[in-house]
Amino acid sequence: MAYDEFLADRIRHKFRELDIPWVDKKMMGGLCFMVDDKMCVGIVKEQMMARIDPDRMAEAFKKTGCREMDFTRRPMKGFIFVEPEGIDRDEDLEYFVKLALEFNPKAKSGKRK
């Protein structure tokens, strides 16, 4: 299993609950949830990845299990990883999903024209 299927189902459920249209794509050895053709949240092994406003990263780091995304071995501005203990509760998962959805309209699309 390249990514946590149970977490994927929890994220799908949260998007349906919030009435957010999305497309999930397998990429980077995990699963990515695209909203408006932009990377929003994802899963790498058992960690959740979220694309958030860089100005809100300090706030997010105060939450259990949240750290800079270092997928490329260097911190990536605007991207975070959340360890499983940081999203065990539905309220915590919703916090990070909503943080990513809040930034999504401002995020640049990686889609080539």
PDB file of N, CA and C in Angstrom:
ATOM      1  N   MET A   1       0.854  -1.192   0.000  1.00  0.00           N
ATOM      2  CA  MET A   1       0.000   0.000   0.000  1.00  0.00           C
ATOM      3  C   MET A   1       0.892   1.246   0.000  1.00  0.00           C
ATOM      4  N   ALA A   2       0.791   2.064  -1.017  1.00  0.00           N
ATOM      5  CA  ALA A   2       1.612   3.254  -1.136  1.00  0.00           C
ATOM      6  C   ALA A   2       1.091   4.405  -0.277  1.00  0.00           C
ATOM      7  N   TYR A   3      -0.184   4.394   0.052  1.00  0.00           N
ATOM      8  CA  TYR A   3      -0.760   5.449   0.893  1.00  0.00           C
ATOM      9  C   TYR A   3      -1.891   4.866   1.727  1.00  0.00           C
ATOM     10  N   ASP A   4      -2.254   5.564   2.769  1.00  0.00           N
ATOM     11  CA  ASP A   4      -3.263   5.119   3.723  1.00  0.00           C
ATOM     12  C   ASP A   4      -4.664   5.231   3.104  1.00  0.00           C
ATOM     13  N   GLU A   5      -5.236   4.105   2.735  1.00  0.00           N
ATOM     14  CA  GLU A   5      -6.564   4.072   2.088  1.00  0.00           C
ATOM     15  C   GLU A   5      -7.669   4.577   3.032  1.00  0.00           C
ATOM     16  N   PHE A   6      -7.544   4.278   4.317  1.00  0.00           N
ATOM     17  CA  PHE A   6      -8.544   4.732   5.284  1.00  0.00           C
ATOM     18  C   PHE A   6      -8.548   6.261   5.361  1.00  0.00           C
ATOM     19  N   LEU A   7      -7.366   6.857   5.383  1.00  0.00           N
ATOM     20  CA  LEU A   7      -7.274   8.323   5.389  1.00  0.00           C
ATOM     21  C   LEU A   7      -7.866   8.885   4.099  1.00  0.00           C
ATOM     22  N   ALA A   8      -7.614   8.235   2.980  1.00  0.00           N
ATOM     23  CA  ALA A   8      -8.184   8.687   1.700  1.00  0.00           C
ATOM     24  C   ALA A   8      -9.710   8.701   1.776  1.00  0.00           C
ATOM     25  N   ASP A   9     -10.284   7.660   2.364  1.00  0.00           N
ATOM     26  CA  ASP A   9     -11.745   7.610   2.513  1.00  0.00           C
ATOM     27  C   ASP A   9     -12.252   8.711   3.444  1.00  0.00           C
ATOM     28  N   ARG A  10     -11.504   8.990   4.501  1.00  0.00           N
ATOM     29  CA  ARG A  10     -11.895  10.066   5.427  1.00  0.00           C
ATOM     30  C   ARG A  10     -11.881  11.419   4.721  1.00  0.00           C
ATOM     31  N   ILE A  11     -10.875  11.660   3.898  1.00  0.00           N
ATOM     32  CA  ILE A  11     -10.785  12.935   3.164  1.00  0.00           C
ATOM     33  C   ILE A  11     -11.917  13.031   2.142  1.00  0.00           C
ATOM     34  N   ARG A  12     -12.173  11.950   1.417  1.00  0.00           N
ATOM     35  CA  ARG A  12     -13.294  11.952   0.457  1.00  0.00           C
ATOM     36  C   ARG A  12     -14.606  12.267   1.171  1.00  0.00           C
ATOM     37  N   HIS A  13     -14.816  11.637   2.319  1.00  0.00           N
ATOM     38  CA  HIS A  13     -16.037  11.881   3.104  1.00  0.00           C
ATOM     39  C   HIS A  13     -16.129  13.354   3.508  1.00  0.00           C
ATOM     40  N   LYS A  14     -15.007  13.937   3.919  1.00  0.00           N
ATOM     41  CA  LYS A  14     -14.994  15.351   4.342  1.00  0.00           C
ATOM     42  C   LYS A  14     -15.322  16.253   3.158  1.00  0.00           C
ATOM     43  N   PHE A  15     -14.760  15.980   1.990  1.00  0.00           N
ATOM     44  CA  PHE A  15     -15.075  16.787   0.806  1.00  0.00           C
ATOM     45  C   PHE A  15     -16.562  16.673   0.448  1.00  0.00           C
ATOM     46  N   ARG A  16     -17.108  15.464   0.526  1.00  0.00           N
ATOM     47  CA  ARG A  16     -18.544  15.306   0.248  1.00  0.00           C
ATOM     48  C   ARG A  16     -19.382  16.059   1.278  1.00  0.00           C
ATOM     49  N   GLU A  17     -18.996  15.954   2.535  1.00  0.00           N
ATOM     50  CA  GLU A  17     -19.704  16.645   3.621  1.00  0.00           C
ATOM     51  C   GLU A  17     -19.689  18.162   3.422  1.00  0.00           C
ATOM     52  N   LEU A  18     -18.567  18.694   2.941  1.00  0.00           N
ATOM     53  CA  LEU A  18     -18.426  20.135   2.705  1.00  0.00           C
ATOM     54  C   LEU A  18     -18.922  20.541   1.315  1.00  0.00           C
ATOM     55  N   ASP A  19     -19.403  19.579   0.526  1.00  0.00           N
ATOM     56  CA  ASP A  19     -19.913  19.806  -0.827  1.00  0.00           C
ATOM     57  C   ASP A  19     -18.850  20.432  -1.738  1.00  0.00           C
ATOM     58  N   ILE A  20     -17.648  19.851  -1.696  1.00  0.00           N
ATOM     59  CA  ILE A  20     -16.519  20.328  -2.495  1.00  0.00           C
ATOM     60  C   ILE A  20     -16.270  19.340  -3.638  1.00  0.00           C
ATOM     61  N   PRO A  21     -16.352  19.791  -4.888  1.00  0.00           N
ATOM     62  CA  PRO A  21     -16.004  18.897  -5.999  1.00  0.00           C
ATOM     63  C   PRO A  21     -14.478  18.731  -6.070  1.00  0.00           C
ATOM     64  N   TRP A  22     -14.028  17.517  -6.307  1.00  0.00           N
ATOM     65  CA  TRP A  22     -12.605  17.225  -6.369  1.00  0.00           C
ATOM     66  C   TRP A  22     -12.362  16.079  -7.331  1.00  0.00           C
ATOM     67  N   VAL A  23     -11.099  15.925  -7.665  1.00  0.00           N
ATOM     68  CA  VAL A  23     -10.632  14.780  -8.452  1.00  0.00           C
ATOM     69  C   VAL A  23      -9.422  14.247  -7.712  1.00  0.00           C
ATOM     70  N   ASP A  24      -9.355  12.941  -7.489  1.00  0.00           N
ATOM     71  CA  ASP A  24      -8.140  12.415  -6.868  1.00  0.00           C
ATOM     72  C   ASP A  24      -7.255  11.780  -7.927  1.00  0.00           C
ATOM     73  N   LYS A  25      -5.955  12.019  -7.772  1.00  0.00           N
ATOM     74  CA  LYS A  25      -4.961  11.529  -8.732  1.00  0.00           C
ATOM     75  C   LYS A  25      -3.832  10.863  -7.969  1.00  0.00           C
ATOM     76  N   LYS A  26      -3.390   9.737  -8.497  1.00  0.00           N
ATOM     77  CA  LYS A  26      -2.216   9.103  -7.923  1.00  0.00           C
ATOM     78  C   LYS A  26      -0.993   9.836  -8.452  1.00  0.00           C
ATOM     79  N   MET A  27      -0.164  10.301  -7.530  1.00  0.00           N
ATOM     80  CA  MET A  27       1.068  10.993  -7.908  1.00  0.00           C
ATOM     81  C   MET A  27       2.036  11.015  -6.739  1.00  0.00           C
ATOM     82  N   MET A  28       3.290  11.196  -7.025  1.00  0.00           N
ATOM     83  CA  MET A  28       4.351  11.277  -6.027  1.00  0.00           C
ATOM     84  C   MET A  28       4.344  10.068  -5.089  1.00  0.00           C
ATOM     85  N   GLY A  29       3.945   8.917  -5.577  1.00  0.00           N
ATOM     86  CA  GLY A  29       3.904   7.727  -4.754  1.00  0.00           C
ATOM     87  C   GLY A  29       2.754   7.722  -3.761  1.00  0.00           C
ATOM     88  N   GLY A  30       1.831   8.645  -3.924  1.00  0.00           N
ATOM     89  CA  GLY A  30       0.690   8.732  -3.014  1.00  0.00           C
ATOM     90  C   GLY A  30      -0.563   9.105  -3.773  1.00  0.00           C
ATOM     91  N   LEU A  31      -1.431   9.828  -3.098  1.00  0.00           N
ATOM     92  CA  LEU A  31      -2.697  10.246  -3.684  1.00  0.00           C
ATOM     93  C   LEU A  31      -2.862  11.732  -3.445  1.00  0.00           C
ATOM     94  N   CYS A  32      -3.288  12.447  -4.470  1.00  0.00           N
ATOM     95  CA  CYS A  32      -3.497  13.885  -4.372  1.00  0.00           C
ATOM     96  C   CYS A  32      -4.945  14.212  -4.691  1.00  0.00           C
ATOM     97  N   PHE A  33      -5.528  15.104  -3.910  1.00  0.00           N
ATOM     98  CA  PHE A  33      -6.894  15.563  -4.133  1.00  0.00           C
ATOM     99  C   PHE A  33      -6.814  16.945  -4.771  1.00  0.00           C
ATOM    100  N   MET A  34      -7.298  17.025  -6.011  1.00  0.00           N
ATOM    101  CA  MET A  34      -7.259  18.268  -6.779  1.00  0.00           C
ATOM    102  C   MET A  34      -8.614  18.972  -6.673  1.00  0.00           C
ATOM    103  N   VAL A  35      -8.566  20.257  -6.358  1.00  0.00           N
ATOM    104  CA  VAL A  35      -9.768  21.087  -6.309  1.00  0.00           C
ATOM    105  C   VAL A  35      -9.528  22.238  -7.271  1.00  0.00           C
ATOM    106  N   ASP A  36     -10.410  22.412  -8.237  1.00  0.00           N
ATOM    107  CA  ASP A  36     -10.255  23.435  -9.279  1.00  0.00           C
ATOM    108  C   ASP A  36      -8.917  23.302 -10.010  1.00  0.00           C
ATOM    109  N   ASP A  37      -8.548  22.059 -10.339  1.00  0.00           N
ATOM    110  CA  ASP A  37      -7.301  21.750 -11.051  1.00  0.00           C
ATOM    111  C   ASP A  37      -6.049  22.166 -10.289  1.00  0.00           C
ATOM    112  N   LYS A  38      -6.152  22.293  -8.957  1.00  0.00           N
ATOM    113  CA  LYS A  38      -5.001  22.659  -8.136  1.00  0.00           C
ATOM    114  C   LYS A  38      -4.832  21.651  -7.011  1.00  0.00           C
ATOM    115  N   MET A  39      -3.574  21.334  -6.709  1.00  0.00           N
ATOM    116  CA  MET A  39      -3.281  20.434  -5.610  1.00  0.00           C
ATOM    117  C   MET A  39      -3.784  21.066  -4.315  1.00  0.00           C
ATOM    118  N   CYS A  40      -4.612  20.331  -3.578  1.00  0.00           N
ATOM    119  CA  CYS A  40      -5.198  20.863  -2.353  1.00  0.00           C
ATOM    120  C   CYS A  40      -4.681  20.096  -1.136  1.00  0.00           C
ATOM    121  N   VAL A  41      -5.006  18.822  -1.043  1.00  0.00           N
ATOM    122  CA  VAL A  41      -4.479  17.954   0.006  1.00  0.00           C
ATOM    123  C   VAL A  41      -4.062  16.639  -0.633  1.00  0.00           C
ATOM    124  N   GLY A  42      -3.306  15.866   0.102  1.00  0.00           N
ATOM    125  CA  GLY A  42      -2.879  14.586  -0.426  1.00  0.00           C
ATOM    126  C   GLY A  42      -2.421  13.672   0.687  1.00  0.00           C
ATOM    127  N   ILE A  43      -1.999  12.497   0.280  1.00  0.00           N
ATOM    128  CA  ILE A  43      -1.516  11.500   1.227  1.00  0.00           C
ATOM    129  C   ILE A  43      -0.219  10.918   0.682  1.00  0.00           C
ATOM    130  N   VAL A  44       0.805  10.926   1.518  1.00  0.00           N
ATOM    131  CA  VAL A  44       2.070  10.285   1.203  1.00  0.00           C
ATOM    132  C   VAL A  44       2.306   9.287   2.328  1.00  0.00           C
ATOM    133  N   LYS A  45       2.212   8.010   2.006  1.00  0.00           N
ATOM    134  CA  LYS A  45       2.255   6.914   2.979  1.00  0.00           C
ATOM    135  C   LYS A  45       1.138   7.122   3.994  1.00  0.00           C
ATOM    136  N   GLU A  46       1.470   7.411   5.251  1.00  0.00           N
ATOM    137  CA  GLU A  46       0.419   7.610   6.249  1.00  0.00           C
ATOM    138  C   GLU A  46       0.253   9.080   6.628  1.00  0.00           C
ATOM    139  N   GLN A  47       1.000   9.959   5.985  1.00  0.00           N
ATOM    140  CA  GLN A  47       0.945  11.382   6.292  1.00  0.00           C
ATOM    141  C   GLN A  47      -0.015  12.115   5.357  1.00  0.00           C
ATOM    142  N   MET A  48      -0.673  13.125   5.898  1.00  0.00           N
ATOM    143  CA  MET A  48      -1.499  13.995   5.072  1.00  0.00           C
ATOM    144  C   MET A  48      -0.635  15.177   4.639  1.00  0.00           C
ATOM    145  N   MET A  49      -0.751  15.556   3.401  1.00  0.00           N
ATOM    146  CA  MET A  49      -0.095  16.735   2.870  1.00  0.00           C
ATOM    147  C   MET A  49      -1.185  17.767   2.633  1.00  0.00           C
ATOM    148  N   ALA A  50      -0.896  19.025   2.930  1.00  0.00           N
ATOM    149  CA  ALA A  50      -1.858  20.090   2.661  1.00  0.00           C
ATOM    150  C   ALA A  50      -1.128  21.298   2.094  1.00  0.00           C
ATOM    151  N   ARG A  51      -1.761  21.938   1.131  1.00  0.00           N
ATOM    152  CA  ARG A  51      -1.238  23.161   0.534  1.00  0.00           C
ATOM    153  C   ARG A  51      -2.004  24.311   1.178  1.00  0.00           C
ATOM    154  N   ILE A  52      -1.286  25.107   1.979  1.00  0.00           N
ATOM    155  CA  ILE A  52      -1.950  26.158   2.746  1.00  0.00           C
ATOM    156  C   ILE A  52      -1.289  27.510   2.484  1.00  0.00           C
ATOM    157  N   ASP A  53      -1.945  28.550   2.954  1.00  0.00           N
ATOM    158  CA  ASP A  53      -1.399  29.896   2.838  1.00  0.00           C
ATOM    159  C   ASP A  53      -0.093  29.969   3.626  1.00  0.00           C
ATOM    160  N   PRO A  54       1.003  30.356   2.991  1.00  0.00           N
ATOM    161  CA  PRO A  54       2.278  30.457   3.711  1.00  0.00           C
ATOM    162  C   PRO A  54       2.187  31.347   4.955  1.00  0.00           C
ATOM    163  N   ASP A  55       1.299  32.325   4.936  1.00  0.00           N
ATOM    164  CA  ASP A  55       1.130  33.205   6.097  1.00  0.00           C
ATOM    165  C   ASP A  55       0.460  32.509   7.276  1.00  0.00           C
ATOM    166  N   ARG A  56      -0.121  31.337   7.055  1.00  0.00           N
ATOM    167  CA  ARG A  56      -0.804  30.599   8.131  1.00  0.00           C
ATOM    168  C   ARG A  56       0.004  29.390   8.619  1.00  0.00           C
ATOM    169  N   MET A  57       1.210  29.230   8.085  1.00  0.00           N
ATOM    170  CA  MET A  57       2.011  28.064   8.451  1.00  0.00           C
ATOM    171  C   MET A  57       2.395  28.063   9.927  1.00  0.00           C
ATOM    172  N   ALA A  58       2.779  29.199  10.478  1.00  0.00           N
ATOM    173  CA  ALA A  58       3.170  29.262  11.892  1.00  0.00           C
ATOM    174  C   ALA A  58       2.021  28.808  12.786  1.00  0.00           C
ATOM    175  N   GLU A  59       0.812  29.209  12.442  1.00  0.00           N
ATOM    176  CA  GLU A  59      -0.384  28.785  13.182  1.00  0.00           C
ATOM    177  C   GLU A  59      -0.561  27.271  13.084  1.00  0.00           C
ATOM    178  N   ALA A  60      -0.413  26.728  11.896  1.00  0.00           N
ATOM    179  CA  ALA A  60      -0.598  25.292  11.677  1.00  0.00           C
ATOM    180  C   ALA A  60       0.450  24.484  12.439  1.00  0.00           C
ATOM    181  N   PHE A  61       1.681  24.990  12.521  1.00  0.00           N
ATOM    182  CA  PHE A  61       2.757  24.266  13.196  1.00  0.00           C
ATOM    183  C   PHE A  61       2.486  24.078  14.687  1.00  0.00           C
ATOM    184  N   LYS A  62       1.580  24.843  15.240  1.00  0.00           N
ATOM    185  CA  LYS A  62       1.225  24.701  16.662  1.00  0.00           C
ATOM    186  C   LYS A  62       0.370  23.463  16.904  1.00  0.00           C
ATOM    187  N   LYS A  63      -0.200  22.914  15.844  1.00  0.00           N
ATOM    188  CA  LYS A  63      -1.040  21.722  15.951  1.00  0.00           C
ATOM    189  C   LYS A  63      -0.163  20.463  16.034  1.00  0.00           C
ATOM    190  N   THR A  64      -0.639  19.488  16.769  1.00  0.00           N
ATOM    191  CA  THR A  64       0.072  18.217  16.922  1.00  0.00           C
ATOM    192  C   THR A  64       0.347  17.577  15.563  1.00  0.00           C
ATOM    193  N   GLY A  65       1.586  17.144  15.371  1.00  0.00           N
ATOM    194  CA  GLY A  65       1.943  16.375  14.185  1.00  0.00           C
ATOM    195  C   GLY A  65       2.175  17.171  12.920  1.00  0.00           C
ATOM    196  N   CYS A  66       2.055  18.482  12.969  1.00  0.00           N
ATOM    197  CA  CYS A  66       2.214  19.310  11.767  1.00  0.00           C
ATOM    198  C   CYS A  66       3.665  19.759  11.631  1.00  0.00           C
ATOM    199  N   ARG A  67       4.181  19.653  10.418  1.00  0.00           N
ATOM    200  CA  ARG A  67       5.552  20.097  10.142  1.00  0.00           C
ATOM    201  C   ARG A  67       5.662  20.516   8.684  1.00  0.00           C
ATOM    202  N   GLU A  68       6.791  21.146   8.354  1.00  0.00           N
ATOM    203  CA  GLU A  68       7.021  21.547   6.971  1.00  0.00           C
ATOM    204  C   GLU A  68       7.113  20.314   6.083  1.00  0.00           C
ATOM    205  N   MET A  69       6.589  20.440   4.898  1.00  0.00           N
ATOM    206  CA  MET A  69       6.712  19.360   3.925  1.00  0.00           C
ATOM    207  C   MET A  69       8.123  19.391   3.367  1.00  0.00           C
ATOM    208  N   ASP A  70       8.800  18.275   3.481  1.00  0.00           N
ATOM    209  CA  ASP A  70      10.183  18.187   3.011  1.00  0.00           C
ATOM    210  C   ASP A  70      10.342  17.008   2.053  1.00  0.00           C
ATOM    211  N   PHE A  71       9.365  16.853   1.199  1.00  0.00           N
ATOM    212  CA  PHE A  71       9.330  15.743   0.236  1.00  0.00           C
ATOM    213  C   PHE A  71      10.596  15.713  -0.624  1.00  0.00           C
ATOM    214  N   THR A  72      11.098  16.888  -0.949  1.00  0.00           N
ATOM    215  CA  THR A  72      12.297  16.987  -1.784  1.00  0.00           C
ATOM    216  C   THR A  72      13.552  17.174  -0.933  1.00  0.00           C
ATOM    217  N   ARG A  73      13.442  16.925   0.360  1.00  0.00           N
ATOM    218  CA  ARG A  73      14.508  17.098   1.353  1.00  0.00           C
ATOM    219  C   ARG A  73      14.800  18.558   1.651  1.00  0.00           C
ATOM    220  N   ARG A  74      13.974  19.434   1.112  1.00  0.00           N
ATOM    221  CA  ARG A  74      14.045  20.859   1.438  1.00  0.00           C
ATOM    222  C   ARG A  74      12.621  21.295   1.765  1.00  0.00           C
ATOM    223  N   PRO A  75      12.466  22.177   2.750  1.00  0.00           N
ATOM    224  CA  PRO A  75      11.111  22.662   3.076  1.00  0.00           C
ATOM    225  C   PRO A  75      10.469  23.314   1.852  1.00  0.00           C
ATOM    226  N   MET A  76       9.184  23.061   1.676  1.00  0.00           N
ATOM    227  CA  MET A  76       8.453  23.637   0.555  1.00  0.00           C
ATOM    228  C   MET A  76       7.463  24.669   1.092  1.00  0.00           C
ATOM    229  N   LYS A  77       7.627  25.893   0.687  1.00  0.00           N
ATOM    230  CA  LYS A  77       6.784  26.984   1.158  1.00  0.00           C
ATOM    231  C   LYS A  77       5.320  26.731   0.789  1.00  0.00           C
ATOM    232  N   GLY A  78       4.466  26.819   1.806  1.00  0.00           N
ATOM    233  CA  GLY A  78       3.037  26.650   1.568  1.00  0.00           C
ATOM    234  C   GLY A  78       2.554  25.209   1.601  1.00  0.00           C
ATOM    235  N   PHE A  79       3.443  24.265   1.887  1.00  0.00           N
ATOM    236  CA  PHE A  79       3.066  22.861   1.966  1.00  0.00           C
ATOM    237  C   PHE A  79       3.441  22.309   3.336  1.00  0.00           C
ATOM    238  N   ILE A  80       2.538  21.533   3.916  1.00  0.00           N
ATOM    239  CA  ILE A  80       2.793  20.920   5.210  1.00  0.00           C
ATOM    240  C   ILE A  80       2.508  19.421   5.160  1.00  0.00           C
ATOM    241  N   PHE A  81       3.122  18.696   6.065  1.00  0.00           N
ATOM    242  CA  PHE A  81       2.799  17.312   6.347  1.00  0.00           C
ATOM    243  C   PHE A  81       2.136  17.276   7.712  1.00  0.00           C
ATOM    244  N   VAL A  82       1.167  16.399   7.878  1.00  0.00           N
ATOM    245  CA  VAL A  82       0.558  16.173   9.180  1.00  0.00           C
ATOM    246  C   VAL A  82       0.653  14.678   9.464  1.00  0.00           C
ATOM    247  N   GLU A  83       1.293  14.347  10.572  1.00  0.00           N
ATOM    248  CA  GLU A  83       1.451  12.959  10.990  1.00  0.00           C
ATOM    249  C   GLU A  83       0.099  12.403  11.425  1.00  0.00           C
ATOM    250  N   PRO A  84      -0.057  11.078  11.418  1.00  0.00           N
ATOM    251  CA  PRO A  84      -1.350  10.470  11.778  1.00  0.00           C
ATOM    252  C   PRO A  84      -1.920  10.942  13.115  1.00  0.00           C
ATOM    253  N   GLU A  85      -1.069  11.138  14.131  1.00  0.00           N
ATOM    254  CA  GLU A  85      -1.584  11.570  15.433  1.00  0.00           C
ATOM    255  C   GLU A  85      -2.186  12.976  15.380  1.00  0.00           C
ATOM    256  N   GLY A  86      -1.838  13.744  14.369  1.00  0.00           N
ATOM    257  CA  GLY A  86      -2.375  15.093  14.224  1.00  0.00           C
ATOM    258  C   GLY A  86      -3.738  15.143  13.547  1.00  0.00           C
ATOM    259  N   ILE A  87      -4.179  14.015  12.983  1.00  0.00           N
ATOM    260  CA  ILE A  87      -5.471  13.982  12.283  1.00  0.00           C
ATOM    261  C   ILE A  87      -6.322  12.793  12.716  1.00  0.00           C
ATOM    262  N   ASP A  88      -6.009  12.228  13.873  1.00  0.00           N
ATOM    263  CA  ASP A  88      -6.810  11.111  14.398  1.00  0.00           C
ATOM    264  C   ASP A  88      -8.267  11.509  14.601  1.00  0.00           C
ATOM    265  N   ARG A  89      -8.481  12.679  15.133  1.00  0.00           N
ATOM    266  CA  ARG A  89      -9.851  13.147  15.386  1.00  0.00           C
ATOM    267  C   ARG A  89     -10.407  13.825  14.129  1.00  0.00           C
ATOM    268  N   ASP A  90     -11.682  13.630  13.877  1.00  0.00           N
ATOM    269  CA  ASP A  90     -12.324  14.239  12.703  1.00  0.00           C
ATOM    270  C   ASP A  90     -12.212  15.759  12.727  1.00  0.00           C
ATOM    271  N   GLU A  91     -12.270  16.361  13.910  1.00  0.00           N
ATOM    272  CA  GLU A  91     -12.164  17.818  14.026  1.00  0.00           C
ATOM    273  C   GLU A  91     -10.800  18.311  13.541  1.00  0.00           C
ATOM    274  N   ASP A  92      -9.753  17.533  13.845  1.00  0.00           N
ATOM    275  CA  ASP A  92      -8.407  17.926  13.415  1.00  0.00           C
ATOM    276  C   ASP A  92      -8.234  17.761  11.911  1.00  0.00           C
ATOM    277  N   LEU A  93      -8.767  16.671  11.368  1.00  0.00           N
ATOM    278  CA  LEU A  93      -8.731  16.477   9.917  1.00  0.00           C
ATOM    279  C   LEU A  93      -9.464  17.628   9.227  1.00  0.00           C
ATOM    280  N   GLU A  94     -10.628  17.981   9.739  1.00  0.00           N
ATOM    281  CA  GLU A  94     -11.411  19.067   9.149  1.00  0.00           C
ATOM    282  C   GLU A  94     -10.648  20.387   9.211  1.00  0.00           C
ATOM    283  N   TYR A  95      -9.937  20.656  10.296  1.00  0.00           N
ATOM    284  CA  TYR A  95      -9.147  21.890  10.415  1.00  0.00           C
ATOM    285  C   TYR A  95      -8.170  22.006   9.244  1.00  0.00           C
ATOM    286  N   PHE A  96      -7.411  20.937   8.987  1.00  0.00           N
ATOM    287  CA  PHE A  96      -6.397  20.995   7.927  1.00  0.00           C
ATOM    288  C   PHE A  96      -7.026  21.017   6.536  1.00  0.00           C
ATOM    289  N   VAL A  97      -8.107  20.286   6.336  1.00  0.00           N
ATOM    290  CA  VAL A  97      -8.801  20.315   5.045  1.00  0.00           C
ATOM    291  C   VAL A  97      -9.331  21.727   4.775  1.00  0.00           C
ATOM    292  N   LYS A  98      -9.953  22.332   5.764  1.00  0.00           N
ATOM    293  CA  LYS A  98     -10.496  23.684   5.577  1.00  0.00           C
ATOM    294  C   LYS A  98      -9.389  24.712   5.369  1.00  0.00           C
ATOM    295  N   LEU A  99      -8.254  24.531   6.044  1.00  0.00           N
ATOM    296  CA  LEU A  99      -7.118  25.428   5.845  1.00  0.00           C
ATOM    297  C   LEU A  99      -6.644  25.361   4.388  1.00  0.00           C
ATOM    298  N   ALA A 100      -6.589  24.162   3.839  1.00  0.00           N
ATOM    299  CA  ALA A 100      -6.178  23.981   2.438  1.00  0.00           C
ATOM    300  C   ALA A 100      -7.231  24.541   1.485  1.00  0.00           C
ATOM    301  N   LEU A 101      -8.502  24.308   1.779  1.00  0.00           N
ATOM    302  CA  LEU A 101      -9.572  24.821   0.919  1.00  0.00           C
ATOM    303  C   LEU A 101      -9.631  26.348   0.941  1.00  0.00           C
ATOM    304  N   GLU A 102      -9.306  26.931   2.071  1.00  0.00           N
ATOM    305  CA  GLU A 102      -9.288  28.392   2.184  1.00  0.00           C
ATOM    306  C   GLU A 102      -8.234  29.004   1.257  1.00  0.00           C
ATOM    307  N   PHE A 103      -7.094  28.322   1.134  1.00  0.00           N
ATOM    308  CA  PHE A 103      -6.015  28.833   0.293  1.00  0.00           C
ATOM    309  C   PHE A 103      -6.212  28.498  -1.187  1.00  0.00           C
ATOM    310  N   ASN A 104      -6.967  27.463  -1.476  1.00  0.00           N
ATOM    311  CA  ASN A 104      -7.093  26.971  -2.844  1.00  0.00           C
ATOM    312  C   ASN A 104      -7.429  28.041  -3.882  1.00  0.00           C
ATOM    313  N   PRO A 105      -8.376  28.952  -3.635  1.00  0.00           N
ATOM    314  CA  PRO A 105      -8.667  29.961  -4.660  1.00  0.00           C
ATOM    315  C   PRO A 105      -7.474  30.883  -4.977  1.00  0.00           C
ATOM    316  N   LYS A 106      -6.559  31.028  -4.019  1.00  0.00           N
ATOM    317  CA  LYS A 106      -5.384  31.897  -4.211  1.00  0.00           C
ATOM    318  C   LYS A 106      -4.199  31.141  -4.803  1.00  0.00           C
ATOM    319  N   ALA A 107      -4.233  29.830  -4.752  1.00  0.00           N
ATOM    320  CA  ALA A 107      -3.117  29.009  -5.214  1.00  0.00           C
ATOM    321  C   ALA A 107      -2.996  29.043  -6.735  1.00  0.00           C
ATOM    322  N   LYS A 108      -1.769  28.933  -7.195  1.00  0.00           N
ATOM    323  CA  LYS A 108      -1.545  28.883  -8.638  1.00  0.00           C
ATOM    324  C   LYS A 108      -1.764  27.460  -9.121  1.00  0.00           C
ATOM    325  N   SER A 109      -2.333  27.350 -10.290  1.00  0.00           N
ATOM    326  CA  SER A 109      -2.567  26.042 -10.885  1.00  0.00           C
ATOM    327  C   SER A 109      -1.284  25.540 -11.538  1.00  0.00           C
ATOM    328  N   GLY A 110      -1.034  24.253 -11.390  1.00  0.00           N
ATOM    329  CA  GLY A 110       0.118  23.639 -12.044  1.00  0.00           C
ATOM    330  C   GLY A 110      -0.233  23.164 -13.446  1.00  0.00           C
ATOM    331  N   LYS A 111      -1.504  23.339 -13.828  1.00  0.00           N
ATOM    332  CA  LYS A 111      -1.967  22.877 -15.134  1.00  0.00           C
ATOM    333  C   LYS A 111      -1.381  23.750 -16.231  1.00  0.00           C
ATOM    334  N   ARG A 112      -0.838  23.092 -17.219  1.00  0.00           N
ATOM    335  CA  ARG A 112      -0.225  23.829 -18.341  1.00  0.00           C
ATOM    336  C   ARG A 112      -1.287  24.175 -19.357  1.00  0.00           C
ATOM    337  N   LYS A 113      -1.142  25.369 -19.894  1.00  0.00           N
ATOM    338  CA  LYS A 113      -2.128  25.851 -20.874  1.00  0.00           C
ATOM    339  C   LYS A 113      -1.710  25.471 -22.271  1.00  0.00           C
TER     340      LYS A 113
END
